[in-house]
Amino acid sequence: MGGIGSYVRQSAAALALAGHEPHVFTVGEAGEYPANVPPGVTLHLTPEPASLVEYGQLPAELAAVVHTGGEAIYRLAIGQLLTAAMKRQHALQAFEVVEVADVDASGLPLLLEGGRDIPVIVHLHTCTAIANRIHKPKIEPADQLIEALESAQIHLADAVCAPTHAVVRSTREMMPLDREPAIIPHPFVYPVGVFAEPPADGPILFVGRLEWRKGCGVIAEMLGEFLEKNPTARFRFIGPDTSSAPGGTSVRRFIQDCLGSGHGLPVTRASGPCEVLSIADRTSLADQSIPHGPEARVTIDDSSSRVEFTGELSASEVAVALKECSFCVLPSLSENFSLSICEAMAAGRTTIVARKTGSMEVLGEAAVVVEPGSADSLLAAMDTLYRDRSRLNELSGLAFDRLRSLCDPVAISKQRVDFYRQAISEFKARVQRLNTLPAQIAATVLPCLSRMTAALMRVDEPSDSPGGRLLAIFKKVNGGKPAEVILYGAGKHTARLLSQRHCWERHGHRVLGLIDDHPRFVSTPIYLGLPVRSLADASSAGNLPAVVLSTDTYEEQFWEQTQSLRDNGVSVFKLYGG
């Protein structure tokens, strides 16, 4: 999921349709990705460090040393693994060009190789520095290191491209750009069909991660008032929750609190099509004991389901929801080239977007534009569009037609290949560019190199890494004596954590298993060699050991979801929140 993943899929599919041979390198295990890889696209999966430790291909101590460098060095390690996988394939079948995203700096290891024989292009999406300035009240040294590595990758690239002028402006505000990136829109393989007007009673949609950067805070501020002014209106949030609300809390909970306390809309929590628990009073949701699992479907209503949180849906379910809606609202504070907006345009639905973002460039005359971060501006635009049926139909038709001209896969593939060919023709080994890297990049790298060297010399434990944090919790669980815990979460953070097993196992501590409700574990309830159970199964098992929340982004939500465990006397620990 995510914008970069959506872009890679669409771009690779378009290039394959144009007769080229795109290969995609990413981290993962067999069976972890869906089988419907686009025809003509070759997917290469590279095991992550935790898997390499489990397979005996990487000493656990060395994996732990990588983590002492922090999140940025872990990302650099992933880049090394992807680079090695690409080079092995390159030796068998020579590639002509490599494209990497700015986020994560996964192409930096390849760019640092003086003897490489292939040009590297960096595609600007939305660098970490932009997201950090929106989501974080304070930029820590670890954040600065990630930003520095991404800046170094852009600086060393053989060519740079971007989908919109807006993302170039935003990136330039964060870091120096010594060249003008080529602007190439994203392709979109749209379905064949004719335009159909929005239904008269369709809901209004938000599609994407529930994230502060996506404008969810602005929606929360005005949604209650909009619903009061328009008694028949309905609003649906489609996408996973995040902890990017003020204070690192759940965005979904923030929206629910605003609705509950601001405009008195009663709240409904539906765990199934027939089982409904209603809270009819008008108190804040913060005072209610309502489960908020990532897969839970939650509605907030006033006798009909007027606000709904569906969680993450499949691509086919999103397509159906777009056809059923009136229009979309995606007032991102920063945006490059939203594939969610492309999906809406493909269905013939217009979108309300914020000024000065890439979304304006995508929608053009089909957009309804509001001031960034302004709840009043958004309220006025939604109110007008909801009531003006003629304008809604006109903009919806414009959106339908514009996508098919702006994002035509054949035309965009030609643009992209022409850009690739120019980069290939101008390619020279650019080792000398290393001498022009800004000094602050070195300043951010040196402290982490010192920490990693100390870990290699066994001078100290990697206390700032995920494994070091878990070791500290183990010592609390059983007073320093060997203890056993279960991790709640079986995702990327847990993979990072389990690559540091030696941190606690050499002290006699053990992780017995994992708790996760993701559907992928129904048929294969094993992750990195550990059994995976649902929260319900774990709760009913009895004699549950201490549970540790294995997440850095969803900790607040995971904490809420373990309320039943804590009520039954199970000790639950946070890795980050104390």
Protein backbone atom coordinates (compact mmCIF):
# COMPACT_ATOMS: atom_id res chain seq x y z
CA MET A 1 0.00 0.00 0.00
CA GLY A 2 1.02 3.63 -0.16
CA GLY A 3 1.64 6.15 -2.91
CA ILE A 4 5.06 4.90 -3.96
CA GLY A 5 3.86 1.31 -4.18
CA SER A 6 0.86 2.41 -6.25
CA TYR A 7 3.10 4.44 -8.56
CA VAL A 8 5.54 1.55 -9.06
CA ARG A 9 2.72 -0.82 -9.95
CA GLN A 10 1.09 1.60 -12.40
CA SER A 11 4.38 2.69 -13.99
CA ALA A 12 5.71 -0.86 -14.36
CA ALA A 13 2.42 -2.01 -15.87
CA ALA A 14 2.45 0.90 -18.34
CA LEU A 15 6.05 0.24 -19.39
CA ALA A 16 5.26 -3.43 -19.90
CA LEU A 17 2.23 -2.52 -22.04
CA ALA A 18 4.57 -0.37 -24.15
CA GLY A 19 6.83 -3.37 -24.82
CA HIS A 20 9.60 -2.72 -22.29
CA GLU A 21 10.90 -5.08 -19.59
CA PRO A 22 10.41 -3.58 -16.11
CA HIS A 23 11.84 -5.39 -13.10
CA VAL A 24 10.78 -4.42 -9.57
CA PHE A 25 13.06 -5.09 -6.59
CA THR A 26 11.54 -4.88 -3.12
CA VAL A 27 11.81 -6.46 0.31
CA GLY A 28 9.56 -9.44 1.01
CA GLU A 29 9.08 -13.17 1.18
CA ALA A 30 7.38 -15.55 -1.24
CA GLY A 31 3.63 -15.50 -0.62
CA GLU A 32 3.75 -12.06 1.01
CA TYR A 33 2.68 -10.24 -2.14
CA PRO A 34 -0.47 -10.84 -4.19
CA ALA A 35 -0.17 -13.08 -7.21
CA ASN A 36 -1.66 -10.50 -9.58
CA VAL A 37 1.62 -8.90 -10.63
CA PRO A 38 0.93 -6.99 -13.89
CA PRO A 39 1.70 -8.97 -17.06
CA GLY A 40 5.22 -8.41 -18.33
CA VAL A 41 6.51 -7.21 -14.94
CA THR A 42 9.10 -9.27 -13.05
CA LEU A 43 9.01 -9.00 -9.26
CA HIS A 44 12.17 -9.77 -7.25
CA LEU A 45 11.71 -10.29 -3.50
CA THR A 46 14.67 -9.79 -1.17
CA PRO A 47 14.60 -11.20 2.38
CA GLU A 48 14.91 -8.55 5.08
CA PRO A 49 17.54 -8.74 7.87
CA ALA A 50 15.22 -10.60 10.28
CA SER A 51 14.71 -13.36 7.71
CA LEU A 52 18.44 -13.56 7.04
CA VAL A 53 19.05 -13.97 10.78
CA GLU A 54 16.41 -16.70 10.94
CA TYR A 55 17.94 -18.48 7.93
CA GLY A 56 21.41 -18.33 9.49
CA GLN A 57 22.73 -16.12 6.68
CA LEU A 58 23.39 -13.10 8.90
CA PRO A 59 24.82 -13.19 12.44
CA ALA A 60 22.30 -11.71 14.84
CA GLU A 61 25.05 -9.59 16.42
CA LEU A 62 25.75 -7.84 13.11
CA ALA A 63 22.05 -7.20 12.55
CA ALA A 64 21.91 -5.60 16.01
CA VAL A 65 24.88 -3.37 15.16
CA VAL A 66 22.99 -2.03 12.15
CA HIS A 67 20.16 -1.04 14.47
CA THR A 68 22.48 0.96 16.72
CA GLY A 69 22.77 3.37 13.79
CA GLY A 70 19.06 4.04 14.04
CA GLU A 71 16.21 3.96 11.55
CA ALA A 72 18.27 5.66 8.83
CA ILE A 73 21.03 3.05 8.88
CA TYR A 74 18.45 0.26 8.85
CA ARG A 75 17.01 1.81 5.67
CA LEU A 76 20.52 1.99 4.26
CA ALA A 77 20.96 -1.70 5.05
CA ILE A 78 17.77 -2.46 3.10
CA GLY A 79 19.22 -0.43 0.24
CA GLN A 80 22.37 -2.57 0.35
CA LEU A 81 20.30 -5.76 0.14
CA LEU A 82 18.27 -4.44 -2.79
CA THR A 83 21.42 -3.23 -4.54
CA ALA A 84 23.06 -6.64 -4.14
CA ALA A 85 19.95 -8.38 -5.53
CA MET A 86 19.81 -5.99 -8.49
CA LYS A 87 23.50 -6.46 -9.27
CA ARG A 88 23.16 -10.25 -9.25
CA GLN A 89 20.34 -10.00 -11.77
CA HIS A 90 22.20 -7.31 -13.72
CA ALA A 91 25.09 -9.75 -14.25
CA LEU A 92 22.67 -12.23 -15.82
CA GLN A 93 20.58 -9.78 -17.80
CA ALA A 94 22.04 -6.30 -18.19
CA PHE A 95 19.65 -3.51 -17.21
CA GLU A 96 19.88 -0.12 -18.89
CA VAL A 97 18.71 2.15 -16.08
CA VAL A 98 17.67 2.00 -12.41
CA GLU A 99 14.98 4.22 -10.92
CA VAL A 100 14.65 4.67 -7.15
CA ALA A 101 12.37 6.71 -4.90
CA ASP A 102 13.70 9.66 -2.92
CA VAL A 103 12.11 8.24 0.26
CA ASP A 104 14.37 5.79 2.18
CA ALA A 105 17.44 6.49 -0.02
CA SER A 106 17.48 2.86 -1.13
CA GLY A 107 19.57 3.74 -4.20
CA LEU A 108 22.34 5.47 -2.24
CA PRO A 109 24.55 2.36 -1.90
CA LEU A 110 24.58 1.96 -5.68
CA LEU A 111 25.29 5.66 -6.22
CA LEU A 112 28.31 5.43 -3.89
CA GLU A 113 29.93 2.75 -6.07
CA GLY A 114 32.53 4.41 -8.26
CA GLY A 115 32.77 1.57 -10.74
CA ARG A 116 29.07 1.13 -11.50
CA ASP A 117 28.06 0.82 -15.11
CA ILE A 118 24.42 1.86 -14.93
CA PRO A 119 22.76 5.27 -14.44
CA VAL A 120 20.57 5.82 -11.38
CA ILE A 121 17.52 8.07 -11.56
CA VAL A 122 15.87 9.44 -8.42
CA HIS A 123 12.11 9.99 -8.57
CA LEU A 124 10.80 12.68 -6.22
CA HIS A 125 7.68 11.55 -4.37
CA THR A 126 7.50 13.31 -1.00
CA CYS A 127 10.79 13.15 0.90
CA THR A 128 10.85 12.37 4.61
CA ALA A 129 11.81 15.96 5.46
CA ILE A 130 8.46 17.23 4.12
CA ALA A 131 6.47 14.71 6.17
CA ASN A 132 8.58 15.38 9.28
CA ARG A 133 7.86 19.12 9.20
CA ILE A 134 4.11 18.39 9.20
CA HIS A 135 3.95 15.50 11.67
CA LYS A 136 6.74 16.12 14.17
CA PRO A 137 6.92 19.00 16.65
CA LYS A 138 10.67 18.47 17.01
CA ILE A 139 13.19 17.08 14.52
CA GLU A 140 15.54 14.66 16.30
CA PRO A 141 19.08 13.66 15.18
CA ALA A 142 17.69 10.34 13.90
CA ASP A 143 15.26 12.27 11.69
CA GLN A 144 18.07 14.50 10.45
CA LEU A 145 20.10 11.44 9.43
CA ILE A 146 17.26 10.02 7.30
CA GLU A 147 16.81 13.41 5.67
CA ALA A 148 20.55 13.72 5.04
CA LEU A 149 20.77 10.32 3.34
CA GLU A 150 17.82 11.15 1.10
CA SER A 151 19.40 14.51 0.25
CA ALA A 152 22.69 12.79 -0.57
CA GLN A 153 20.92 10.36 -2.90
CA ILE A 154 19.23 13.19 -4.80
CA HIS A 155 22.50 15.11 -5.01
CA LEU A 156 24.45 12.12 -6.37
CA ALA A 157 21.76 10.95 -8.81
CA ASP A 158 22.54 10.85 -12.53
CA ALA A 159 19.12 12.35 -13.28
CA VAL A 160 16.10 13.47 -11.27
CA CYS A 161 12.41 13.43 -12.21
CA ALA A 162 9.15 14.35 -10.49
CA PRO A 163 5.44 14.03 -11.31
CA THR A 164 4.49 17.64 -10.51
CA HIS A 165 6.04 21.08 -10.11
CA ALA A 166 4.55 21.21 -6.60
CA VAL A 167 6.67 18.37 -5.25
CA VAL A 168 9.79 19.98 -6.76
CA ARG A 169 9.00 23.23 -4.92
CA SER A 170 8.36 21.37 -1.66
CA THR A 171 11.57 19.36 -1.97
CA ARG A 172 13.62 22.46 -2.77
CA GLU A 173 12.36 24.08 0.43
CA MET A 174 13.84 21.15 2.39
CA MET A 175 17.17 20.62 0.60
CA PRO A 176 19.30 22.10 -2.19
CA LEU A 177 18.53 20.92 -5.74
CA ASP A 178 21.38 21.71 -8.15
CA ARG A 179 19.33 20.90 -11.27
CA GLU A 180 15.80 21.18 -12.57
CA PRO A 181 14.03 17.79 -12.41
CA ALA A 182 12.15 16.54 -15.45
CA ILE A 183 8.36 16.69 -14.91
CA ILE A 184 6.65 13.48 -16.01
CA PRO A 185 3.07 12.73 -14.85
CA HIS A 186 2.30 9.32 -13.43
CA PRO A 187 0.69 6.84 -15.80
CA PHE A 188 -2.62 5.31 -14.85
CA VAL A 189 -4.00 2.18 -16.46
CA TYR A 190 -7.65 3.20 -16.41
CA PRO A 191 -10.61 0.89 -17.03
CA VAL A 192 -12.48 1.03 -20.33
CA GLY A 193 -15.95 2.49 -20.01
CA VAL A 194 -18.17 5.53 -20.44
CA PHE A 195 -18.82 8.35 -18.02
CA ALA A 196 -21.68 7.91 -15.55
CA GLU A 197 -22.93 10.81 -13.44
CA PRO A 198 -22.57 10.53 -9.65
CA PRO A 199 -25.60 9.06 -7.88
CA ALA A 200 -27.96 11.59 -6.34
CA ASP A 201 -27.57 10.23 -2.81
CA GLY A 202 -23.95 8.98 -2.89
CA PRO A 203 -21.66 9.47 0.13
CA ILE A 204 -18.66 11.82 0.11
CA LEU A 205 -15.35 9.95 0.20
CA PHE A 206 -11.89 10.34 1.67
CA VAL A 207 -9.54 7.65 0.30
CA GLY A 208 -6.04 7.12 1.69
CA ARG A 209 -4.17 6.84 4.96
CA LEU A 210 -5.88 8.73 7.78
CA GLU A 211 -2.91 11.03 8.17
CA TRP A 212 -2.46 14.61 9.31
CA ARG A 213 -0.54 15.46 6.11
CA LYS A 214 -3.52 14.27 4.10
CA GLY A 215 -5.72 16.99 5.61
CA CYS A 216 -7.67 14.79 8.02
CA GLY A 217 -7.36 17.37 10.79
CA VAL A 218 -9.00 19.98 8.56
CA ILE A 219 -11.82 17.58 7.71
CA ALA A 220 -12.33 16.81 11.40
CA GLU A 221 -12.63 20.50 12.24
CA MET A 222 -15.53 21.17 9.86
CA LEU A 223 -17.24 17.83 9.23
CA GLY A 224 -19.76 18.07 12.06
CA GLU A 225 -20.92 21.50 10.94
CA PHE A 226 -21.21 20.33 7.33
CA LEU A 227 -23.38 17.38 8.36
CA GLU A 228 -25.63 19.63 10.45
CA LYS A 229 -26.14 21.95 7.49
CA ASN A 230 -26.80 19.03 5.14
CA PRO A 231 -28.98 16.47 6.99
CA THR A 232 -28.94 13.91 4.16
CA ALA A 233 -25.17 13.98 3.58
CA ARG A 234 -22.96 11.00 4.42
CA PHE A 235 -19.17 10.82 4.70
CA ARG A 236 -16.97 7.74 4.37
CA PHE A 237 -13.28 7.41 5.32
CA ILE A 238 -11.55 4.60 3.41
CA GLY A 239 -8.03 3.75 4.53
CA PRO A 240 -5.93 2.66 7.52
CA ASP A 241 -5.58 4.80 10.60
CA THR A 242 -2.27 6.36 11.67
CA SER A 243 -0.93 7.93 14.86
CA SER A 244 -0.16 11.30 13.27
CA ALA A 245 -2.69 13.39 15.21
CA PRO A 246 -1.28 15.89 17.75
CA GLY A 247 0.63 14.07 20.46
CA GLY A 248 1.17 11.00 18.26
CA THR A 249 -2.41 9.79 18.74
CA SER A 250 -4.94 8.10 16.48
CA VAL A 251 -6.29 10.27 13.68
CA ARG A 252 -9.52 8.29 13.63
CA ARG A 253 -10.00 8.88 17.34
CA PHE A 254 -9.28 12.59 16.81
CA ILE A 255 -12.00 12.83 14.14
CA GLN A 256 -14.44 10.89 16.32
CA ASP A 257 -13.71 13.16 19.28
CA CYS A 258 -14.33 16.26 17.16
CA LEU A 259 -17.65 14.86 15.96
CA GLY A 260 -18.71 13.65 19.41
CA SER A 261 -17.84 16.80 21.35
CA GLY A 262 -18.11 19.46 18.70
CA HIS A 263 -21.47 18.86 17.06
CA GLY A 264 -23.13 16.16 19.11
CA LEU A 265 -23.46 13.44 16.52
CA PRO A 266 -24.28 10.14 18.24
CA VAL A 267 -21.83 7.31 17.72
CA THR A 268 -22.28 3.77 16.45
CA ARG A 269 -19.68 1.01 16.48
CA ALA A 270 -20.58 -1.83 14.11
CA SER A 271 -18.50 -5.01 14.30
CA GLY A 272 -20.65 -6.77 11.70
CA PRO A 273 -23.63 -6.17 9.47
CA CYS A 274 -26.15 -6.94 12.23
CA GLU A 275 -24.34 -6.39 15.52
CA VAL A 276 -24.57 -2.70 16.52
CA LEU A 277 -23.77 -0.94 19.79
CA SER A 278 -25.12 2.62 19.96
CA ILE A 279 -24.07 5.46 22.22
CA ALA A 280 -26.93 7.90 22.03
CA ASP A 281 -25.65 10.66 24.28
CA ARG A 282 -23.43 13.52 23.12
CA THR A 283 -20.32 13.04 25.21
CA SER A 284 -16.79 12.90 23.89
CA LEU A 285 -15.63 9.62 22.42
CA ALA A 286 -12.55 9.88 24.61
CA ASP A 287 -14.80 8.90 27.51
CA GLN A 288 -16.25 5.84 25.77
CA SER A 289 -14.86 2.31 25.83
CA ILE A 290 -15.16 1.55 22.11
CA PRO A 291 -12.77 -0.92 20.45
CA HIS A 292 -10.77 0.67 17.64
CA GLY A 293 -9.01 -2.18 15.81
CA PRO A 294 -7.37 -1.45 12.46
CA GLU A 295 -9.87 -3.67 10.65
CA ALA A 296 -12.93 -2.50 12.65
CA ARG A 297 -15.70 -0.82 10.72
CA VAL A 298 -16.90 2.18 12.70
CA THR A 299 -19.82 4.48 11.92
CA ILE A 300 -20.88 7.74 13.51
CA ASP A 301 -24.45 8.68 12.80
CA ASP A 302 -27.69 10.38 13.70
CA SER A 303 -30.11 7.49 13.10
CA SER A 304 -28.59 6.66 9.70
CA SER A 305 -24.95 5.79 9.16
CA ARG A 306 -23.64 9.24 8.25
CA VAL A 307 -19.91 8.90 8.97
CA GLU A 308 -18.13 5.62 8.38
CA PHE A 309 -14.56 4.40 8.85
CA THR A 310 -14.06 1.29 6.72
CA GLY A 311 -10.36 0.70 7.33
CA GLU A 312 -8.21 -0.47 4.43
CA LEU A 313 -10.17 -1.96 1.52
CA SER A 314 -9.08 -3.95 -1.53
CA ALA A 315 -8.60 -2.19 -4.87
CA SER A 316 -11.84 -3.67 -6.20
CA GLU A 317 -13.79 -2.52 -3.12
CA VAL A 318 -12.36 1.00 -3.48
CA ALA A 319 -13.41 1.05 -7.15
CA VAL A 320 -16.98 0.16 -6.20
CA ALA A 321 -17.03 2.79 -3.44
CA LEU A 322 -15.86 5.48 -5.90
CA LYS A 323 -18.64 4.63 -8.35
CA GLU A 324 -21.17 4.89 -5.53
CA CYS A 325 -19.94 8.25 -4.19
CA SER A 326 -20.85 11.85 -5.05
CA PHE A 327 -17.35 13.31 -4.90
CA CYS A 328 -14.08 12.99 -2.97
CA VAL A 329 -12.37 15.23 -0.41
CA LEU A 330 -8.55 15.02 -0.25
CA PRO A 331 -7.32 18.38 1.10
CA SER A 332 -3.71 17.29 1.66
CA LEU A 333 -1.37 19.87 3.17
CA SER A 334 1.35 18.46 0.91
CA GLU A 335 0.85 16.18 -2.08
CA ASN A 336 2.84 15.10 -5.12
CA PHE A 337 0.66 13.13 -7.55
CA SER A 338 -2.13 11.40 -5.70
CA LEU A 339 -3.04 8.00 -7.15
CA SER A 340 -6.20 8.13 -5.01
CA ILE A 341 -7.27 11.16 -7.04
CA CYS A 342 -6.46 9.28 -10.24
CA GLU A 343 -8.70 6.44 -9.08
CA ALA A 344 -11.48 8.95 -8.43
CA MET A 345 -10.99 10.54 -11.87
CA ALA A 346 -11.04 7.10 -13.50
CA ALA A 347 -14.49 6.58 -11.95
CA GLY A 348 -15.63 10.03 -13.12
CA ARG A 349 -15.57 11.73 -9.72
CA THR A 350 -14.19 15.16 -8.94
CA THR A 351 -12.18 15.92 -5.79
CA ILE A 352 -11.80 18.87 -3.44
CA VAL A 353 -8.07 19.57 -3.06
CA ALA A 354 -5.82 22.19 -1.48
CA ARG A 355 -4.12 25.01 -3.35
CA LYS A 356 -0.34 24.85 -4.05
CA THR A 357 -0.27 21.02 -4.01
CA GLY A 358 0.37 18.56 -6.80
CA SER A 359 -3.29 17.59 -6.67
CA MET A 360 -4.17 20.86 -8.46
CA GLU A 361 -1.87 19.90 -11.34
CA VAL A 362 -3.45 16.45 -11.57
CA LEU A 363 -7.08 17.63 -11.64
CA GLY A 364 -6.65 20.90 -13.52
CA GLU A 365 -10.03 22.48 -14.36
CA ALA A 366 -11.82 19.49 -12.84
CA ALA A 367 -10.71 20.43 -9.31
CA VAL A 368 -12.48 22.27 -6.54
CA VAL A 369 -9.66 24.15 -4.82
CA VAL A 370 -9.55 25.28 -1.17
CA GLU A 371 -6.98 27.06 0.95
CA PRO A 372 -4.49 24.65 2.62
CA GLY A 373 -5.39 23.97 6.25
CA SER A 374 -8.53 26.14 6.18
CA ALA A 375 -11.62 24.45 7.64
CA ASP A 376 -13.81 27.42 6.63
CA SER A 377 -12.67 27.19 3.01
CA LEU A 378 -13.27 23.43 2.95
CA LEU A 379 -16.71 23.78 4.55
CA ALA A 380 -17.81 26.35 1.96
CA ALA A 381 -16.53 24.24 -0.95
CA MET A 382 -18.18 21.03 0.26
CA ASP A 383 -21.44 22.81 0.99
CA THR A 384 -21.54 24.38 -2.49
CA LEU A 385 -20.56 21.24 -4.39
CA TYR A 386 -23.00 19.05 -2.44
CA ARG A 387 -25.94 21.34 -3.30
CA ASP A 388 -25.01 22.28 -6.89
CA ARG A 389 -25.86 19.16 -8.86
CA SER A 390 -25.15 20.75 -12.24
CA ARG A 391 -21.65 21.84 -11.19
CA LEU A 392 -20.95 18.42 -9.67
CA ASN A 393 -21.86 16.63 -12.91
CA GLU A 394 -19.79 19.06 -14.99
CA LEU A 395 -16.64 18.65 -12.88
CA SER A 396 -17.09 14.89 -12.69
CA GLY A 397 -17.17 14.64 -16.49
CA LEU A 398 -14.09 16.86 -16.78
CA ALA A 399 -12.23 14.63 -14.31
CA PHE A 400 -13.16 11.51 -16.27
CA ASP A 401 -11.84 12.98 -19.54
CA ARG A 402 -8.74 14.62 -18.07
CA LEU A 403 -7.35 11.41 -16.58
CA ARG A 404 -7.49 9.71 -19.96
CA SER A 405 -5.43 12.48 -21.57
CA LEU A 406 -3.06 13.43 -18.73
CA CYS A 407 -2.20 9.91 -17.55
CA ASP A 408 -2.49 7.89 -20.75
CA PRO A 409 -0.16 4.90 -20.18
CA VAL A 410 1.19 4.82 -23.75
CA ALA A 411 1.96 8.56 -23.89
CA ILE A 412 3.50 8.65 -20.40
CA SER A 413 5.60 5.55 -21.08
CA LYS A 414 7.04 7.28 -24.15
CA GLN A 415 7.88 10.38 -22.07
CA ARG A 416 9.51 8.25 -19.40
CA VAL A 417 11.52 6.14 -21.83
CA ASP A 418 12.73 9.28 -23.66
CA PHE A 419 13.88 10.61 -20.27
CA TYR A 420 15.60 7.30 -19.49
CA ARG A 421 17.38 7.34 -22.87
CA GLN A 422 18.67 10.84 -22.28
CA ALA A 423 20.00 9.83 -18.86
CA ILE A 424 21.66 6.77 -20.38
CA SER A 425 23.30 8.80 -23.15
CA GLU A 426 24.64 11.38 -20.68
CA PHE A 427 25.73 8.87 -18.06
CA LYS A 428 29.24 9.15 -16.69
CA ALA A 429 30.69 7.89 -13.43
CA ARG A 430 30.07 10.82 -11.10
CA VAL A 431 32.46 9.96 -8.28
CA GLN A 432 33.56 13.60 -8.14
CA ARG A 433 30.08 14.60 -6.93
CA LEU A 434 30.94 13.04 -3.58
CA ASN A 435 33.27 15.99 -3.00
CA THR A 436 30.37 18.42 -3.31
CA LEU A 437 28.07 16.88 -0.70
CA PRO A 438 26.95 19.49 1.87
CA ALA A 439 28.91 19.37 5.13
CA GLN A 440 25.80 18.86 7.27
CA ILE A 441 25.34 15.41 5.73
CA ALA A 442 28.67 14.26 7.16
CA ALA A 443 27.77 15.89 10.48
CA THR A 444 24.66 13.73 10.78
CA VAL A 445 26.42 10.51 9.77
CA LEU A 446 29.42 10.61 12.13
CA PRO A 447 27.53 10.14 15.45
CA CYS A 448 25.79 6.99 14.21
CA LEU A 449 29.10 5.59 12.92
CA SER A 450 30.54 6.09 16.40
CA ARG A 451 27.61 4.23 18.01
CA MET A 452 27.91 1.36 15.55
CA THR A 453 31.65 1.07 16.19
CA ALA A 454 31.02 0.96 19.94
CA ALA A 455 28.53 -1.87 19.44
CA LEU A 456 31.02 -3.80 17.30
CA MET A 457 33.61 -3.45 20.05
CA ARG A 458 31.06 -4.63 22.69
CA VAL A 459 31.48 -1.35 24.50
CA ASP A 460 27.75 -0.98 25.16
CA GLU A 461 24.35 -2.50 24.52
CA PRO A 462 22.34 -1.00 21.63
CA SER A 463 19.88 0.59 24.05
CA ASP A 464 18.38 3.06 21.56
CA SER A 465 17.45 0.35 19.08
CA PRO A 466 14.14 -1.59 19.12
CA GLY A 467 15.94 -4.66 20.47
CA GLY A 468 17.54 -2.63 23.24
CA ARG A 469 14.15 -1.25 24.24
CA LEU A 470 12.68 -4.75 24.35
CA LEU A 471 15.58 -5.98 26.49
CA ALA A 472 14.79 -3.23 29.01
CA ILE A 473 11.17 -4.41 29.13
CA PHE A 474 12.26 -8.03 29.65
CA LYS A 475 14.19 -6.88 32.70
CA LYS A 476 11.02 -5.24 34.06
CA VAL A 477 8.85 -8.31 33.43
CA ASN A 478 10.73 -10.67 35.71
CA GLY A 479 13.12 -8.51 37.67
CA GLY A 480 16.01 -9.21 35.31
CA LYS A 481 15.55 -12.98 35.40
CA PRO A 482 14.77 -14.88 32.15
CA ALA A 483 11.26 -13.91 30.99
CA GLU A 484 8.85 -14.70 28.16
CA VAL A 485 6.63 -12.28 26.21
CA ILE A 486 4.34 -12.14 23.19
CA LEU A 487 4.66 -9.34 20.64
CA TYR A 488 1.50 -7.60 19.44
CA GLY A 489 2.08 -6.79 15.76
CA ALA A 490 3.57 -8.79 12.91
CA GLY A 491 4.71 -6.14 10.46
CA LYS A 492 7.80 -4.21 9.45
CA HIS A 493 8.60 -3.06 12.97
CA THR A 494 8.49 -6.62 14.29
CA ALA A 495 10.82 -7.69 11.48
CA ARG A 496 13.30 -5.05 12.60
CA LEU A 497 12.86 -6.11 16.19
CA LEU A 498 13.36 -9.83 15.55
CA SER A 499 16.60 -9.23 13.67
CA GLN A 500 18.02 -8.27 17.09
CA ARG A 501 17.06 -11.50 18.86
CA HIS A 502 20.52 -11.95 20.32
CA CYS A 503 19.98 -8.77 22.42
CA TRP A 504 17.59 -10.63 24.69
CA GLU A 505 18.15 -14.31 23.91
CA ARG A 506 21.72 -14.27 25.19
CA HIS A 507 20.22 -13.13 28.50
CA GLY A 508 17.79 -16.08 28.47
CA HIS A 509 14.69 -14.10 27.48
CA ARG A 510 12.28 -15.41 24.81
CA VAL A 511 9.58 -14.16 22.46
CA LEU A 512 6.99 -16.96 22.36
CA GLY A 513 4.78 -15.73 19.54
CA LEU A 514 2.89 -12.89 17.90
CA ILE A 515 -0.60 -11.38 17.93
CA ASP A 516 -1.94 -9.91 14.69
CA ASP A 517 -5.39 -9.78 13.08
CA HIS A 518 -4.27 -9.28 9.48
CA PRO A 519 -6.09 -11.64 7.07
CA ARG A 520 -2.81 -12.91 5.61
CA PHE A 521 -2.17 -14.91 8.80
CA VAL A 522 -5.44 -16.85 8.59
CA SER A 523 -4.06 -19.43 6.16
CA THR A 524 -0.37 -19.13 7.17
CA PRO A 525 -0.20 -18.29 10.89
CA ILE A 526 3.61 -18.09 10.99
CA TYR A 527 5.82 -15.00 10.78
CA LEU A 528 9.62 -15.23 10.90
CA GLY A 529 9.36 -18.63 12.54
CA LEU A 530 6.94 -17.55 15.28
CA PRO A 531 3.26 -18.56 15.61
CA VAL A 532 0.69 -15.81 14.99
CA ARG A 533 -2.69 -15.69 16.76
CA SER A 534 -5.57 -13.25 16.52
CA LEU A 535 -6.26 -10.97 19.46
CA ALA A 536 -9.50 -12.84 20.17
CA ASP A 537 -7.73 -16.22 20.25
CA ALA A 538 -4.97 -14.87 22.47
CA SER A 539 -7.51 -13.31 24.84
CA SER A 540 -9.44 -16.57 25.23
CA ALA A 541 -6.35 -18.75 25.68
CA GLY A 542 -5.75 -17.89 29.33
CA ASN A 543 -2.39 -17.78 31.14
CA LEU A 544 -1.14 -15.22 28.64
CA PRO A 545 2.38 -13.93 29.35
CA ALA A 546 3.25 -10.24 29.18
CA VAL A 547 2.46 -8.56 25.85
CA VAL A 548 4.72 -5.97 24.21
CA LEU A 549 3.31 -3.63 21.54
CA SER A 550 5.60 -4.03 18.54
CA THR A 551 4.95 -0.80 16.65
CA ASP A 552 6.33 2.70 16.47
CA THR A 553 3.48 4.27 14.46
CA TYR A 554 0.32 2.58 15.77
CA GLU A 555 1.19 2.25 19.44
CA GLU A 556 -1.74 4.34 20.67
CA GLN A 557 -4.22 2.22 18.70
CA PHE A 558 -2.62 -1.05 19.76
CA TRP A 559 -2.83 0.11 23.38
CA GLU A 560 -6.57 0.75 23.02
CA GLN A 561 -7.08 -2.64 21.39
CA THR A 562 -5.46 -4.45 24.34
CA GLN A 563 -7.89 -2.99 26.87
CA SER A 564 -9.56 -6.38 27.30
CA LEU A 565 -6.19 -8.02 28.02
CA ARG A 566 -5.33 -5.41 30.62
CA ASP A 567 -8.77 -5.77 32.20
CA ASN A 568 -8.00 -9.48 32.62
CA GLY A 569 -4.72 -8.76 34.40
CA VAL A 570 -2.31 -9.26 31.47
CA SER A 571 0.71 -6.95 31.61
CA VAL A 572 0.99 -4.89 28.41
CA PHE A 573 4.08 -2.80 27.67
CA LYS A 574 4.76 -0.02 25.16
CA LEU A 575 8.13 0.08 23.43
CA TYR A 576 8.02 3.84 22.88
CA GLY A 577 5.26 5.48 24.90
CA GLY A 578 6.39 4.35 28.36
